[in-house]
Amino acid sequence: MILEDMYYGNWRPSEQIKSTDPESQKVNQKISEHMEMLKNKLPEVDFEQMEVIFDLLNESTSLHSAAAFIHGYRTGALTMIEVFSEEK
């Protein structure tokens, strides 16, 4: 149940999204290939720094996604309020 999951802090929409877009899968495969290539080319310390950058980028993307979700949810709620409060 969504409401119960929300109450207990178990509802994480971003973890439930699994892209089936073939283009997304291609991009992720390319990222993996390039990461492996750089892992083999770069000194370990440089590669670790790059991993830190990617972790920070993922965190930034997650924060942006959360803000977009909140904005979309609020917009949907405001739309519903407007629809139901409209005089007939």
Protein backbone atom coordinates (compact mmCIF):
# COMPACT_ATOMS: atom_id res chain seq x y z
CA MET A 1 0.00 0.00 0.00
CA ILE A 2 1.44 3.33 -1.03
CA LEU A 3 0.20 5.30 1.98
CA GLU A 4 1.57 2.74 4.42
CA ASP A 5 4.88 2.61 2.57
CA MET A 6 5.04 6.42 2.62
CA TYR A 7 4.32 6.45 6.36
CA TYR A 8 7.10 3.97 7.12
CA GLY A 9 9.51 5.64 4.72
CA ASN A 10 9.60 2.69 2.35
CA TRP A 11 8.25 4.40 -0.75
CA ARG A 12 11.09 5.35 -3.09
CA PRO A 13 9.73 5.96 -6.58
CA SER A 14 13.17 6.41 -8.11
CA GLU A 15 14.13 2.87 -7.10
CA GLN A 16 11.07 1.44 -8.84
CA ILE A 17 11.87 2.90 -12.25
CA LYS A 18 13.41 0.39 -14.62
CA SER A 19 13.91 1.79 -18.09
CA THR A 20 12.91 -0.47 -20.94
CA ASP A 21 14.01 2.09 -23.50
CA PRO A 22 16.57 0.40 -25.77
CA GLU A 23 18.41 3.71 -26.14
CA SER A 24 18.88 3.90 -22.37
CA GLN A 25 20.28 0.39 -22.33
CA LYS A 26 22.71 1.31 -25.14
CA VAL A 27 23.90 4.39 -23.26
CA ASN A 28 24.42 2.39 -20.06
CA GLN A 29 26.38 -0.22 -21.99
CA LYS A 30 28.60 2.50 -23.52
CA ILE A 31 29.20 3.97 -20.06
CA SER A 32 30.25 0.56 -18.76
CA GLU A 33 32.59 0.02 -21.70
CA HIS A 34 34.23 3.43 -21.30
CA MET A 35 34.57 2.99 -17.56
CA GLU A 36 36.31 -0.35 -18.07
CA MET A 37 38.59 1.17 -20.69
CA LEU A 38 39.55 4.04 -18.37
CA LYS A 39 40.04 1.67 -15.45
CA ASN A 40 42.63 -0.16 -17.53
CA LYS A 41 44.35 3.03 -18.76
CA LEU A 42 44.38 5.34 -15.75
CA PRO A 43 46.45 5.03 -12.61
CA GLU A 44 44.32 3.63 -9.78
CA VAL A 45 44.28 6.92 -7.84
CA ASP A 46 43.02 8.83 -10.91
CA PHE A 47 40.34 6.26 -11.62
CA GLU A 48 39.17 6.43 -7.99
CA GLN A 49 38.87 10.22 -8.31
CA MET A 50 36.79 9.74 -11.43
CA GLU A 51 34.54 7.33 -9.54
CA VAL A 52 34.08 10.00 -6.85
CA ILE A 53 33.02 12.46 -9.54
CA PHE A 54 30.52 9.96 -10.93
CA ASP A 55 29.13 9.32 -7.44
CA LEU A 56 28.66 13.07 -6.96
CA LEU A 57 27.03 13.34 -10.37
CA ASN A 58 24.64 10.51 -9.45
CA GLU A 59 23.81 12.28 -6.19
CA SER A 60 23.17 15.54 -8.06
CA THR A 61 20.94 13.73 -10.56
CA SER A 62 19.03 12.09 -7.72
CA LEU A 63 18.44 15.45 -6.03
CA HIS A 64 17.25 16.92 -9.33
CA SER A 65 14.93 13.96 -9.90
CA ALA A 66 13.47 14.38 -6.42
CA ALA A 67 12.84 18.08 -7.06
CA ALA A 68 11.20 17.26 -10.41
CA PHE A 69 9.02 14.61 -8.75
CA ILE A 70 7.91 17.05 -6.03
CA HIS A 71 7.16 19.73 -8.63
CA GLY A 72 5.15 17.27 -10.74
CA TYR A 73 3.23 15.98 -7.73
CA ARG A 74 2.37 19.52 -6.61
CA THR A 75 1.34 20.50 -10.13
CA GLY A 76 -0.93 17.44 -10.32
CA ALA A 77 -2.46 18.21 -6.92
CA LEU A 78 -3.04 21.85 -7.87
CA THR A 79 -4.65 20.71 -11.12
CA MET A 80 -7.00 18.42 -9.19
CA ILE A 81 -7.90 21.24 -6.80
CA GLU A 82 -8.66 23.51 -9.74
CA VAL A 83 -10.74 20.83 -11.49
CA PHE A 84 -12.82 20.01 -8.43
CA SER A 85 -13.24 23.60 -7.25
CA GLU A 86 -14.43 24.85 -10.65
CA GLU A 87 -18.02 26.00 -10.51
CA LYS A 88 -20.40 24.01 -12.63
